[in-house]
């Protein structure tokens, strides 16, 4: 199943990944940023419905020069003390937030449409793929409508979130380590979509469904850990 998922990602397809029962207990739709299309955006917006985020590897994040949002809050805390009070030090399923900055490509209009967000995401993926990280400020503006996430260094070997799982998949597939992830929500319960319903969606739409534990085990084997 892991190999099928990697082939699907290399073909620009969406895969579904469940993290764990003892973590968020959520299934995310994941696709490679370099293959992002408005059609992907529409499908994910309608059928997942969570927060669109763009996981970026630690290495690419460093080259782009983007910080964790908590770093920005700490720097601005003296002038805006409420930012210190807002520190996410009580996340029930994790010890640290992966959130970074938000941005739009400068060629977008409002930045929120499916076309605009898909363009921003794809261009960011291609920027990293082509090694033009230093052009981030020239080509993009912030804040915007695309939320960036910084993966932990060593990703799933250090942290087991969808941010890191997305990057592990990109690495194993030989793709640029910039991805898209979005949680699948349940219209009826108002909660995240159940694992059974996520599996059913995958089957009905001919998509690959992965369990996070299997993904992490495959990556450890891939990395020789």
N, C-alpha and C. Protein backbone atom coordinates (compact mmCIF):
# COMPACT_ATOMS: atom_id res chain seq x y z
N UNK A 1 0.82 -1.21 0.00
CA UNK A 1 0.00 0.00 0.00
C UNK A 1 0.86 1.26 0.00
N UNK A 2 1.99 1.22 0.70
CA UNK A 2 2.89 2.37 0.73
C UNK A 2 3.39 2.66 -0.69
N UNK A 3 3.81 1.62 -1.40
CA UNK A 3 4.31 1.81 -2.77
C UNK A 3 3.23 2.37 -3.68
N UNK A 4 2.00 1.91 -3.50
CA UNK A 4 0.89 2.43 -4.30
C UNK A 4 0.67 3.91 -3.98
N UNK A 5 0.81 4.27 -2.71
CA UNK A 5 0.65 5.67 -2.33
C UNK A 5 1.73 6.54 -2.95
N UNK A 6 2.95 6.06 -2.95
CA UNK A 6 4.06 6.83 -3.52
C UNK A 6 3.86 7.01 -5.03
N UNK A 7 3.40 5.96 -5.70
CA UNK A 7 3.14 6.07 -7.13
C UNK A 7 2.01 7.06 -7.40
N UNK A 8 0.98 7.01 -6.56
CA UNK A 8 -0.14 7.94 -6.71
C UNK A 8 0.33 9.38 -6.55
N UNK A 9 1.17 9.63 -5.55
CA UNK A 9 1.68 10.99 -5.33
C UNK A 9 2.52 11.45 -6.52
N UNK A 10 3.33 10.55 -7.06
CA UNK A 10 4.17 10.91 -8.22
C UNK A 10 3.32 11.18 -9.45
N UNK A 11 2.10 10.63 -9.45
CA UNK A 11 1.17 10.88 -10.56
C UNK A 11 0.27 12.09 -10.29
N UNK A 12 0.57 12.81 -9.22
CA UNK A 12 -0.21 14.00 -8.90
C UNK A 12 -1.56 13.72 -8.28
N UNK A 13 -1.71 12.55 -7.68
CA UNK A 13 -2.98 12.17 -7.08
C UNK A 13 -3.01 12.45 -5.58
N UNK A 14 -4.22 12.48 -5.04
CA UNK A 14 -4.44 12.67 -3.60
C UNK A 14 -4.36 11.32 -2.89
N UNK A 15 -3.75 11.29 -1.73
CA UNK A 15 -3.80 10.11 -0.86
C UNK A 15 -4.36 10.53 0.50
N UNK A 16 -4.93 9.57 1.21
CA UNK A 16 -5.50 9.82 2.53
C UNK A 16 -4.62 9.17 3.59
N UNK A 17 -4.36 9.92 4.67
CA UNK A 17 -3.51 9.41 5.74
C UNK A 17 -4.16 9.68 7.09
N UNK A 18 -4.37 8.60 7.86
CA UNK A 18 -4.87 8.69 9.23
C UNK A 18 -3.68 8.73 10.17
N UNK A 19 -3.69 9.63 11.15
CA UNK A 19 -2.49 9.74 12.01
C UNK A 19 -2.45 8.65 13.08
N UNK A 20 -3.26 8.75 14.12
CA UNK A 20 -3.25 7.72 15.17
C UNK A 20 -4.41 7.95 16.13
N UNK A 21 -4.85 6.86 16.77
CA UNK A 21 -5.95 6.97 17.74
C UNK A 21 -5.56 7.79 18.96
N UNK A 22 -4.26 7.83 19.28
CA UNK A 22 -3.83 8.56 20.47
C UNK A 22 -3.29 9.95 20.13
N UNK A 23 -3.57 10.43 18.91
CA UNK A 23 -3.12 11.77 18.55
C UNK A 23 -4.34 12.60 18.15
N UNK A 24 -4.37 13.13 16.93
CA UNK A 24 -5.52 13.93 16.50
C UNK A 24 -6.73 13.07 16.15
N UNK A 25 -6.47 11.80 15.78
CA UNK A 25 -7.53 10.89 15.32
C UNK A 25 -8.21 11.46 14.09
N UNK A 26 -7.40 11.96 13.16
CA UNK A 26 -7.93 12.59 11.95
C UNK A 26 -7.28 11.99 10.70
N UNK A 27 -8.05 12.02 9.62
CA UNK A 27 -7.55 11.63 8.31
C UNK A 27 -7.37 12.88 7.47
N UNK A 28 -6.20 13.03 6.88
CA UNK A 28 -5.92 14.18 6.01
C UNK A 28 -5.83 13.75 4.56
N UNK A 29 -6.29 14.62 3.67
CA UNK A 29 -6.00 14.48 2.25
C UNK A 29 -4.63 15.10 2.01
N UNK A 30 -3.77 14.42 1.26
CA UNK A 30 -2.41 14.90 1.02
C UNK A 30 -2.10 14.81 -0.47
N UNK A 31 -1.44 15.83 -1.00
CA UNK A 31 -1.00 15.85 -2.39
C UNK A 31 0.30 16.62 -2.46
N UNK A 32 1.12 16.33 -3.46
CA UNK A 32 2.39 17.04 -3.64
C UNK A 32 2.12 18.46 -4.13
N UNK A 33 2.76 19.45 -3.51
CA UNK A 33 2.53 20.85 -3.87
C UNK A 33 2.89 21.13 -5.33
N UNK A 34 3.93 20.47 -5.83
CA UNK A 34 4.37 20.76 -7.20
C UNK A 34 3.36 20.33 -8.24
N UNK A 35 2.37 19.49 -7.85
CA UNK A 35 1.35 19.03 -8.78
C UNK A 35 -0.02 19.62 -8.48
N UNK A 36 -0.06 20.61 -7.59
CA UNK A 36 -1.34 21.16 -7.15
C UNK A 36 -2.09 21.82 -8.31
N UNK A 37 -3.40 21.57 -8.38
CA UNK A 37 -4.25 22.16 -9.42
C UNK A 37 -5.51 22.76 -8.78
N UNK A 38 -6.21 23.64 -9.49
CA UNK A 38 -7.48 24.13 -8.97
C UNK A 38 -8.48 23.00 -8.73
N UNK A 39 -8.41 21.93 -9.55
CA UNK A 39 -9.30 20.79 -9.37
C UNK A 39 -9.02 20.08 -8.04
N UNK A 40 -7.72 19.95 -7.69
CA UNK A 40 -7.38 19.41 -6.38
C UNK A 40 -7.99 20.27 -5.28
N UNK A 41 -7.84 21.57 -5.43
CA UNK A 41 -8.32 22.50 -4.42
C UNK A 41 -9.82 22.37 -4.23
N UNK A 42 -10.55 22.28 -5.33
CA UNK A 42 -12.00 22.15 -5.25
C UNK A 42 -12.40 20.85 -4.58
N UNK A 43 -11.76 19.76 -4.96
CA UNK A 43 -12.06 18.45 -4.36
C UNK A 43 -11.79 18.46 -2.87
N UNK A 44 -10.63 18.96 -2.48
CA UNK A 44 -10.25 18.95 -1.07
C UNK A 44 -11.15 19.90 -0.26
N UNK A 45 -11.48 21.04 -0.84
CA UNK A 45 -12.35 22.00 -0.13
C UNK A 45 -13.73 21.39 0.11
N UNK A 46 -14.27 20.71 -0.91
CA UNK A 46 -15.60 20.14 -0.79
C UNK A 46 -15.63 18.84 0.02
N UNK A 47 -14.64 17.99 -0.17
CA UNK A 47 -14.71 16.64 0.40
C UNK A 47 -13.89 16.46 1.68
N UNK A 48 -12.97 17.40 1.97
CA UNK A 48 -12.23 17.36 3.24
C UNK A 48 -12.78 18.44 4.15
N UNK A 49 -12.60 19.70 3.76
CA UNK A 49 -13.25 20.79 4.47
C UNK A 49 -12.53 21.35 5.67
N UNK A 50 -11.35 20.78 6.01
CA UNK A 50 -10.58 21.30 7.13
C UNK A 50 -9.75 22.50 6.71
N UNK A 51 -8.63 22.70 7.37
CA UNK A 51 -7.75 23.82 7.07
C UNK A 51 -6.70 23.41 6.05
N UNK A 52 -6.65 24.09 4.91
CA UNK A 52 -5.60 23.84 3.93
C UNK A 52 -4.27 24.31 4.49
N UNK A 53 -3.29 23.43 4.52
CA UNK A 53 -1.97 23.80 4.99
C UNK A 53 -0.91 23.25 4.04
N UNK A 54 0.25 23.87 4.07
CA UNK A 54 1.36 23.45 3.21
C UNK A 54 2.55 23.07 4.07
N UNK A 55 2.70 21.77 4.36
CA UNK A 55 3.89 21.31 5.10
C UNK A 55 5.15 21.50 4.25
N UNK A 56 6.20 21.98 4.89
CA UNK A 56 7.48 22.20 4.22
C UNK A 56 8.56 21.57 5.08
N UNK A 57 9.48 20.86 4.45
CA UNK A 57 10.55 20.21 5.22
C UNK A 57 11.36 21.24 5.99
N UNK A 58 12.01 20.77 7.03
CA UNK A 58 12.87 21.65 7.83
C UNK A 58 13.95 22.28 6.97
N UNK A 59 14.52 21.47 6.07
CA UNK A 59 15.60 21.98 5.22
C UNK A 59 15.09 23.08 4.28
N UNK A 60 13.96 22.85 3.63
CA UNK A 60 13.41 23.88 2.75
C UNK A 60 12.96 25.10 3.53
N UNK A 61 12.43 24.89 4.74
CA UNK A 61 12.01 26.02 5.57
C UNK A 61 13.20 26.90 5.92
N UNK A 62 14.32 26.27 6.26
CA UNK A 62 15.53 27.03 6.58
C UNK A 62 16.02 27.82 5.36
N UNK A 63 15.98 27.20 4.20
CA UNK A 63 16.44 27.88 2.99
C UNK A 63 15.52 29.04 2.62
N UNK A 64 14.22 28.86 2.87
CA UNK A 64 13.26 29.94 2.61
C UNK A 64 13.36 31.04 3.66
N UNK A 65 13.86 30.68 4.84
CA UNK A 65 13.99 31.66 5.92
C UNK A 65 12.70 31.91 6.66
N UNK A 66 11.80 30.92 6.68
CA UNK A 66 10.52 31.12 7.35
C UNK A 66 10.57 30.55 8.77
N UNK A 67 10.03 31.28 9.74
CA UNK A 67 10.08 30.86 11.14
C UNK A 67 8.83 30.09 11.54
N UNK A 68 8.84 29.52 12.74
CA UNK A 68 7.60 29.07 13.36
C UNK A 68 6.83 30.31 13.78
N UNK A 69 5.51 30.25 13.74
CA UNK A 69 4.71 31.39 14.19
C UNK A 69 4.99 31.70 15.65
N UNK A 70 5.27 30.68 16.46
CA UNK A 70 5.58 30.93 17.86
C UNK A 70 6.85 31.75 18.03
N UNK A 71 7.80 31.62 17.10
CA UNK A 71 9.02 32.44 17.15
C UNK A 71 8.68 33.92 16.94
N UNK A 72 7.78 34.17 16.00
CA UNK A 72 7.35 35.55 15.73
C UNK A 72 6.64 36.12 16.95
N UNK A 73 5.79 35.32 17.56
CA UNK A 73 5.05 35.77 18.74
C UNK A 73 5.99 36.10 19.89
N UNK A 74 7.01 35.28 20.07
CA UNK A 74 7.97 35.54 21.15
C UNK A 74 8.74 36.83 20.90
N UNK A 75 9.12 37.07 19.65
CA UNK A 75 9.87 38.29 19.31
C UNK A 75 9.01 39.54 19.53
N UNK A 76 7.72 39.41 19.23
CA UNK A 76 6.82 40.58 19.35
C UNK A 76 6.17 40.68 20.72
N UNK A 77 6.46 39.73 21.61
CA UNK A 77 5.80 39.68 22.91
C UNK A 77 6.02 40.88 23.80
N UNK A 78 7.18 41.52 23.70
CA UNK A 78 7.45 42.69 24.54
C UNK A 78 6.51 43.84 24.18
N UNK A 79 6.29 44.02 22.88
CA UNK A 79 5.42 45.12 22.43
C UNK A 79 3.95 44.76 22.54
N UNK A 80 3.65 43.48 22.33
CA UNK A 80 2.26 43.01 22.39
C UNK A 80 2.20 41.85 23.39
N UNK A 81 2.12 42.16 24.69
CA UNK A 81 2.19 41.13 25.75
C UNK A 81 1.15 40.02 25.62
N UNK A 82 0.02 40.33 25.01
CA UNK A 82 -1.02 39.29 24.87
C UNK A 82 -0.51 38.10 24.07
N UNK A 83 0.48 38.34 23.20
CA UNK A 83 1.03 37.23 22.42
C UNK A 83 1.70 36.20 23.32
N UNK A 84 2.27 36.66 24.44
CA UNK A 84 2.86 35.73 25.40
C UNK A 84 1.78 34.90 26.09
N UNK A 85 0.65 35.54 26.37
CA UNK A 85 -0.45 34.83 27.00
C UNK A 85 -1.08 33.81 26.06
N UNK A 86 -0.98 34.07 24.76
CA UNK A 86 -1.59 33.20 23.76
C UNK A 86 -0.71 32.01 23.38
N UNK A 87 0.42 31.88 24.02
CA UNK A 87 1.35 30.80 23.70
C UNK A 87 0.65 29.44 23.70
N UNK A 88 0.83 28.63 22.64
CA UNK A 88 0.15 27.33 22.56
C UNK A 88 0.88 26.26 23.38
N UNK A 89 0.95 26.47 24.69
CA UNK A 89 1.70 25.56 25.56
C UNK A 89 0.83 24.48 26.18
N UNK A 90 -0.42 24.39 25.70
CA UNK A 90 -1.33 23.40 26.28
C UNK A 90 -2.05 22.59 25.20
N UNK A 91 -1.37 22.37 24.06
CA UNK A 91 -1.96 21.56 23.00
C UNK A 91 -2.16 20.14 23.54
N UNK A 92 -3.37 19.61 23.50
CA UNK A 92 -3.65 18.32 24.15
C UNK A 92 -3.01 17.11 23.48
N UNK A 93 -2.61 17.25 22.21
CA UNK A 93 -2.08 16.08 21.50
C UNK A 93 -0.63 16.25 21.06
N UNK A 94 -0.01 17.37 21.40
CA UNK A 94 1.35 17.63 20.93
C UNK A 94 2.04 18.62 21.85
N UNK A 95 3.35 18.74 21.69
CA UNK A 95 4.10 19.67 22.53
C UNK A 95 4.48 20.95 21.81
N UNK A 96 4.29 20.99 20.47
CA UNK A 96 4.68 22.16 19.71
C UNK A 96 3.81 22.32 18.48
N UNK A 97 3.52 23.56 18.13
CA UNK A 97 2.75 23.86 16.92
C UNK A 97 3.68 23.97 15.72
N UNK A 98 3.25 23.42 14.58
CA UNK A 98 4.05 23.48 13.35
C UNK A 98 3.75 24.72 12.52
N UNK A 99 2.79 25.54 12.96
CA UNK A 99 2.37 26.68 12.15
C UNK A 99 3.51 27.67 11.90
N UNK A 100 3.58 28.13 10.65
CA UNK A 100 4.51 29.19 10.26
C UNK A 100 3.70 30.37 9.75
N UNK A 101 4.18 31.06 8.75
CA UNK A 101 3.49 32.24 8.23
C UNK A 101 2.42 31.85 7.20
N UNK A 102 1.63 32.84 6.78
CA UNK A 102 0.67 32.66 5.69
C UNK A 102 1.11 33.56 4.54
N UNK A 103 0.81 33.12 3.31
CA UNK A 103 1.22 33.95 2.17
C UNK A 103 0.33 33.72 0.95
N UNK A 104 0.46 34.63 -0.02
CA UNK A 104 -0.14 34.54 -1.35
C UNK A 104 0.94 34.80 -2.38
N UNK A 105 0.80 34.23 -3.56
CA UNK A 105 1.68 34.62 -4.65
C UNK A 105 1.30 36.03 -5.09
N UNK A 106 2.27 36.82 -5.50
CA UNK A 106 2.00 38.20 -5.87
C UNK A 106 1.17 38.33 -7.15
N UNK A 107 1.05 37.26 -7.92
CA UNK A 107 0.24 37.31 -9.14
C UNK A 107 -1.22 36.92 -8.89
N UNK A 108 -1.57 36.61 -7.62
CA UNK A 108 -2.96 36.31 -7.31
C UNK A 108 -3.71 37.60 -7.03
N UNK A 109 -5.06 37.50 -6.99
CA UNK A 109 -5.89 38.67 -6.71
C UNK A 109 -6.22 38.70 -5.22
N UNK A 110 -7.35 38.12 -4.82
CA UNK A 110 -7.62 38.07 -3.37
C UNK A 110 -6.79 36.98 -2.71
N UNK A 111 -6.47 35.94 -3.43
CA UNK A 111 -5.68 34.85 -2.89
C UNK A 111 -6.48 33.68 -2.36
N UNK A 112 -7.81 33.82 -2.21
CA UNK A 112 -8.62 32.80 -1.56
C UNK A 112 -9.30 31.85 -2.53
N UNK A 113 -9.45 32.21 -3.78
CA UNK A 113 -10.14 31.34 -4.72
C UNK A 113 -9.36 30.05 -4.94
N UNK A 114 -10.05 29.04 -5.46
CA UNK A 114 -9.38 27.77 -5.76
C UNK A 114 -8.22 28.00 -6.72
N UNK A 115 -8.45 28.84 -7.73
CA UNK A 115 -7.39 29.13 -8.69
C UNK A 115 -6.20 29.81 -8.02
N UNK A 116 -6.50 30.80 -7.18
CA UNK A 116 -5.42 31.56 -6.53
C UNK A 116 -4.62 30.70 -5.56
N UNK A 117 -5.33 29.95 -4.73
CA UNK A 117 -4.60 29.13 -3.75
C UNK A 117 -3.81 28.01 -4.42
N UNK A 118 -4.39 27.40 -5.42
CA UNK A 118 -3.67 26.35 -6.14
C UNK A 118 -2.41 26.92 -6.80
N UNK A 119 -2.52 28.12 -7.35
CA UNK A 119 -1.38 28.77 -8.00
C UNK A 119 -0.29 29.08 -6.97
N UNK A 120 -0.69 29.65 -5.84
CA UNK A 120 0.28 29.96 -4.78
C UNK A 120 1.01 28.71 -4.33
N UNK A 121 0.26 27.65 -4.08
CA UNK A 121 0.86 26.41 -3.58
C UNK A 121 1.79 25.78 -4.60
N UNK A 122 1.33 25.69 -5.84
CA UNK A 122 2.16 25.06 -6.87
C UNK A 122 3.44 25.86 -7.10
N UNK A 123 3.32 27.18 -7.15
CA UNK A 123 4.50 28.01 -7.40
C UNK A 123 5.50 27.92 -6.24
N UNK A 124 5.00 27.76 -5.02
CA UNK A 124 5.90 27.58 -3.88
C UNK A 124 6.63 26.25 -3.99
N UNK A 125 5.90 25.21 -4.38
CA UNK A 125 6.53 23.92 -4.57
C UNK A 125 7.60 23.96 -5.65
N UNK A 126 7.29 24.62 -6.76
CA UNK A 126 8.25 24.71 -7.86
C UNK A 126 9.44 25.59 -7.49
N UNK A 127 9.20 26.62 -6.68
CA UNK A 127 10.29 27.48 -6.20
C UNK A 127 11.33 26.63 -5.47
N UNK A 128 10.85 25.77 -4.57
CA UNK A 128 11.76 24.91 -3.82
C UNK A 128 12.37 23.84 -4.71
N UNK A 129 11.59 23.30 -5.61
CA UNK A 129 12.10 22.27 -6.52
C UNK A 129 13.24 22.81 -7.36
N UNK A 130 13.13 24.05 -7.78
CA UNK A 130 14.14 24.66 -8.65
C UNK A 130 15.26 25.35 -7.88
N UNK A 131 15.24 25.24 -6.55
CA UNK A 131 16.31 25.80 -5.74
C UNK A 131 16.37 27.31 -5.74
N UNK A 132 15.21 27.96 -5.91
CA UNK A 132 15.18 29.43 -5.95
C UNK A 132 14.58 30.00 -4.66
N UNK A 133 14.95 29.41 -3.55
CA UNK A 133 14.39 29.80 -2.25
C UNK A 133 14.54 31.28 -1.96
N UNK A 134 15.65 31.87 -2.44
CA UNK A 134 15.92 33.28 -2.13
C UNK A 134 14.93 34.23 -2.80
N UNK A 135 14.11 33.72 -3.72
CA UNK A 135 13.14 34.57 -4.42
C UNK A 135 11.77 34.60 -3.73
N UNK A 136 11.67 33.99 -2.56
CA UNK A 136 10.37 33.94 -1.87
C UNK A 136 9.76 35.32 -1.71
N UNK A 137 10.52 36.27 -1.16
CA UNK A 137 9.99 37.61 -0.92
C UNK A 137 9.67 38.38 -2.19
N UNK A 138 10.36 38.07 -3.26
CA UNK A 138 10.11 38.73 -4.54
C UNK A 138 8.81 38.25 -5.16
N UNK A 139 8.51 36.96 -5.02
CA UNK A 139 7.38 36.36 -5.72
C UNK A 139 6.12 36.21 -4.89
N UNK A 140 6.25 36.29 -3.55
CA UNK A 140 5.11 36.08 -2.66
C UNK A 140 4.95 37.25 -1.71
N UNK A 141 3.72 37.40 -1.18
CA UNK A 141 3.45 38.43 -0.17
C UNK A 141 2.84 37.76 1.06
N UNK A 142 3.02 38.39 2.21
CA UNK A 142 2.45 37.88 3.46
C UNK A 142 1.91 39.05 4.29
N UNK A 143 0.82 38.83 5.04
CA UNK A 143 0.09 37.57 5.18
C UNK A 143 -0.76 37.26 3.96
N UNK A 144 -1.27 36.03 3.92
CA UNK A 144 -2.05 35.60 2.78
C UNK A 144 -3.02 34.50 3.16
N UNK A 145 -3.44 33.73 2.17
CA UNK A 145 -4.48 32.73 2.38
C UNK A 145 -3.97 31.29 2.36
N UNK A 146 -2.66 31.12 2.27
CA UNK A 146 -2.07 29.78 2.29
C UNK A 146 -1.23 29.66 3.56
N UNK A 147 -1.58 28.71 4.41
CA UNK A 147 -0.91 28.53 5.70
C UNK A 147 0.26 27.56 5.56
N UNK A 148 1.44 28.02 5.91
CA UNK A 148 2.63 27.18 5.83
C UNK A 148 2.89 26.49 7.18
N UNK A 149 3.41 25.28 7.10
CA UNK A 149 3.78 24.51 8.29
C UNK A 149 5.24 24.10 8.17
N UNK A 150 5.98 24.25 9.25
CA UNK A 150 7.38 23.81 9.29
C UNK A 150 7.44 22.41 9.89
N UNK A 151 7.91 21.46 9.11
CA UNK A 151 8.08 20.10 9.64
C UNK A 151 9.27 20.07 10.59
N UNK A 152 9.20 19.19 11.56
CA UNK A 152 10.32 19.00 12.48
C UNK A 152 11.51 18.43 11.72
N UNK A 153 12.70 18.78 12.16
CA UNK A 153 13.90 18.20 11.56
C UNK A 153 13.87 16.69 11.80
N UNK A 154 14.05 15.92 10.73
CA UNK A 154 13.94 14.47 10.85
C UNK A 154 12.50 14.00 10.76
N UNK A 155 11.58 14.92 10.54
CA UNK A 155 10.12 14.73 10.47
C UNK A 155 9.62 13.55 11.29
N UNK A 156 9.14 12.45 10.71
CA UNK A 156 8.44 11.44 11.51
C UNK A 156 9.32 10.74 12.53
N UNK A 157 10.63 10.91 12.42
CA UNK A 157 11.51 10.33 13.45
C UNK A 157 11.48 11.16 14.72
N UNK A 158 11.00 12.41 14.61
CA UNK A 158 10.96 13.32 15.76
C UNK A 158 9.52 13.69 16.18
N UNK A 159 8.63 13.77 15.19
CA UNK A 159 7.25 14.20 15.46
C UNK A 159 6.33 13.43 14.51
N UNK A 160 5.16 13.07 14.99
CA UNK A 160 4.32 12.15 14.22
C UNK A 160 3.02 12.81 13.76
N UNK A 161 3.10 14.08 13.35
CA UNK A 161 1.93 14.78 12.86
C UNK A 161 1.78 14.64 11.35
N UNK A 162 0.64 15.10 10.84
CA UNK A 162 0.43 15.05 9.40
C UNK A 162 1.45 15.91 8.65
N UNK A 163 1.94 16.97 9.31
CA UNK A 163 2.99 17.78 8.70
C UNK A 163 4.18 16.91 8.34
N UNK A 164 4.64 16.15 9.32
CA UNK A 164 5.83 15.31 9.12
C UNK A 164 5.53 14.10 8.23
N UNK A 165 4.34 13.53 8.36
CA UNK A 165 3.98 12.40 7.50
C UNK A 165 3.93 12.81 6.04
N UNK A 166 3.43 14.02 5.79
CA UNK A 166 3.39 14.52 4.41
C UNK A 166 4.80 14.61 3.83
N UNK A 167 5.72 15.14 4.62
CA UNK A 167 7.09 15.30 4.14
C UNK A 167 7.78 13.95 3.98
N UNK A 168 7.51 13.02 4.87
CA UNK A 168 8.08 11.67 4.73
C UNK A 168 7.62 11.03 3.42
N UNK A 169 6.36 11.21 3.08
CA UNK A 169 5.84 10.67 1.82
C UNK A 169 6.53 11.32 0.63
N UNK A 170 6.70 12.65 0.69
CA UNK A 170 7.36 13.34 -0.42
C UNK A 170 8.79 12.82 -0.60
N UNK A 171 9.50 12.64 0.52
CA UNK A 171 10.88 12.17 0.45
C UNK A 171 10.95 10.76 -0.13
N UNK A 172 10.08 9.87 0.36
CA UNK A 172 10.11 8.50 -0.15
C UNK A 172 9.72 8.43 -1.62
N UNK A 173 8.87 9.35 -2.06
CA UNK A 173 8.44 9.38 -3.47
C UNK A 173 9.46 10.07 -4.37
N UNK A 174 10.49 10.70 -3.78
CA UNK A 174 11.47 11.42 -4.58
C UNK A 174 10.94 12.74 -5.11
N UNK A 175 9.98 13.32 -4.40
CA UNK A 175 9.36 14.58 -4.82
C UNK A 175 9.89 15.74 -3.98
N UNK A 176 9.64 16.95 -4.43
CA UNK A 176 10.00 18.13 -3.66
C UNK A 176 9.29 18.08 -2.31
N UNK A 177 10.02 18.35 -1.25
CA UNK A 177 9.47 18.18 0.10
C UNK A 177 8.63 19.37 0.54
N UNK A 178 7.60 19.61 -0.26
CA UNK A 178 6.56 20.60 0.01
C UNK A 178 5.25 19.94 -0.37
N UNK A 179 4.27 19.95 0.52
CA UNK A 179 3.04 19.20 0.27
C UNK A 179 1.81 20.05 0.62
N UNK A 180 0.66 19.44 0.45
CA UNK A 180 -0.60 20.03 0.89
C UNK A 180 -1.29 19.00 1.77
N UNK A 181 -1.85 19.44 2.89
CA UNK A 181 -2.65 18.53 3.70
C UNK A 181 -3.89 19.26 4.19
N UNK A 182 -4.96 18.51 4.36
CA UNK A 182 -6.22 19.10 4.83
C UNK A 182 -7.03 18.02 5.53
N UNK A 183 -7.52 18.34 6.73
CA UNK A 183 -8.29 17.38 7.52
C UNK A 183 -9.66 17.11 6.90
N UNK A 184 -10.11 15.87 6.99
CA UNK A 184 -11.44 15.51 6.52
C UNK A 184 -12.43 15.69 7.66
N UNK A 185 -13.47 16.50 7.42
CA UNK A 185 -14.47 16.82 8.42
C UNK A 185 -15.77 16.06 8.15
N UNK A 186 -16.59 15.94 9.19
CA UNK A 186 -17.87 15.25 9.09
C UNK A 186 -19.00 16.28 9.12
N UNK A 187 -19.80 16.35 8.06
CA UNK A 187 -20.89 17.32 7.97
C UNK A 187 -22.00 17.05 8.98
N UNK A 188 -22.14 15.79 9.42
CA UNK A 188 -23.24 15.42 10.31
C UNK A 188 -22.89 15.66 11.77
N UNK A 189 -21.74 15.15 12.20
CA UNK A 189 -21.38 15.24 13.62
C UNK A 189 -20.71 16.55 14.01
N UNK A 190 -20.16 17.25 13.00
CA UNK A 190 -19.41 18.47 13.30
C UNK A 190 -18.02 18.18 13.80
N UNK A 191 -17.61 16.93 13.79
CA UNK A 191 -16.28 16.52 14.22
C UNK A 191 -15.46 16.09 13.01
N UNK A 192 -14.28 15.52 13.28
CA UNK A 192 -13.50 14.99 12.17
C UNK A 192 -14.18 13.73 11.65
N UNK A 193 -13.96 13.43 10.38
CA UNK A 193 -14.56 12.26 9.76
C UNK A 193 -14.02 10.99 10.41
N UNK A 194 -14.89 10.05 10.68
CA UNK A 194 -14.45 8.81 11.31
C UNK A 194 -13.51 8.05 10.36
N UNK A 195 -12.68 7.21 10.95
CA UNK A 195 -11.74 6.43 10.15
C UNK A 195 -12.48 5.52 9.18
N UNK A 196 -13.56 4.91 9.63
CA UNK A 196 -14.34 4.03 8.75
C UNK A 196 -14.90 4.79 7.57
N UNK A 197 -15.41 6.00 7.81
CA UNK A 197 -15.97 6.79 6.72
C UNK A 197 -14.88 7.29 5.78
N UNK A 198 -13.71 7.57 6.34
CA UNK A 198 -12.58 8.00 5.49
C UNK A 198 -12.14 6.84 4.59
N UNK A 199 -12.09 5.65 5.15
CA UNK A 199 -11.74 4.47 4.34
C UNK A 199 -12.78 4.26 3.24
N UNK A 200 -14.04 4.41 3.60
CA UNK A 200 -15.12 4.24 2.63
C UNK A 200 -15.00 5.27 1.51
N UNK A 201 -14.69 6.52 1.86
CA UNK A 201 -14.50 7.56 0.85
C UNK A 201 -13.36 7.18 -0.09
N UNK A 202 -12.27 6.69 0.49
CA UNK A 202 -11.12 6.29 -0.33
C UNK A 202 -11.51 5.18 -1.31
N UNK A 203 -12.25 4.20 -0.83
CA UNK A 203 -12.67 3.09 -1.69
C UNK A 203 -13.59 3.57 -2.80
N UNK A 204 -14.53 4.44 -2.45
CA UNK A 204 -15.51 4.92 -3.44
C UNK A 204 -14.87 5.81 -4.49
N UNK A 205 -13.75 6.46 -4.15
CA UNK A 205 -13.11 7.39 -5.07
C UNK A 205 -11.77 6.87 -5.59
N UNK A 206 -11.51 5.59 -5.37
CA UNK A 206 -10.31 4.93 -5.87
C UNK A 206 -9.04 5.66 -5.43
N UNK A 207 -8.99 6.00 -4.13
CA UNK A 207 -7.83 6.66 -3.55
C UNK A 207 -7.15 5.74 -2.55
N UNK A 208 -5.87 5.97 -2.33
CA UNK A 208 -5.12 5.18 -1.36
C UNK A 208 -5.35 5.71 0.05
N UNK A 209 -5.60 4.80 0.99
CA UNK A 209 -5.75 5.15 2.40
C UNK A 209 -4.59 4.53 3.16
N UNK A 210 -3.87 5.35 3.93
CA UNK A 210 -2.72 4.87 4.70
C UNK A 210 -2.95 5.08 6.19
N UNK A 211 -2.46 4.14 6.98
CA UNK A 211 -2.42 4.30 8.43
C UNK A 211 -1.08 4.91 8.80
N UNK A 212 -1.09 5.89 9.68
CA UNK A 212 0.14 6.58 10.05
C UNK A 212 1.22 5.66 10.58
N UNK A 213 0.85 4.65 11.35
CA UNK A 213 1.84 3.73 11.90
C UNK A 213 2.57 2.99 10.78
N UNK A 214 1.83 2.59 9.75
CA UNK A 214 2.45 1.90 8.62
C UNK A 214 3.38 2.83 7.85
N UNK A 215 2.95 4.08 7.71
CA UNK A 215 3.78 5.08 7.01
C UNK A 215 5.09 5.29 7.76
N UNK A 216 5.01 5.45 9.06
CA UNK A 216 6.21 5.70 9.86
C UNK A 216 7.15 4.50 9.82
N UNK A 217 6.57 3.30 9.90
CA UNK A 217 7.40 2.09 9.83
C UNK A 217 8.10 2.00 8.48
N UNK A 218 7.40 2.34 7.42
CA UNK A 218 7.99 2.30 6.08
C UNK A 218 9.11 3.33 5.95
N UNK A 219 8.90 4.50 6.55
CA UNK A 219 9.95 5.53 6.47
C UNK A 219 11.19 5.11 7.25
N UNK A 220 10.99 4.53 8.41
CA UNK A 220 12.14 4.07 9.19
C UNK A 220 12.96 3.05 8.41
N UNK A 221 12.28 2.18 7.69
CA UNK A 221 12.98 1.19 6.86
C UNK A 221 13.69 1.89 5.71
N UNK A 222 13.00 2.87 5.10
CA UNK A 222 13.56 3.64 4.00
C UNK A 222 14.83 4.39 4.43
N UNK A 223 14.78 4.95 5.65
CA UNK A 223 15.89 5.75 6.16
C UNK A 223 16.95 4.90 6.87
N UNK A 224 16.70 3.61 6.99
CA UNK A 224 17.64 2.72 7.66
C UNK A 224 17.72 2.97 9.14
N UNK A 225 16.59 3.34 9.76
CA UNK A 225 16.56 3.65 11.19
C UNK A 225 15.95 2.50 11.99
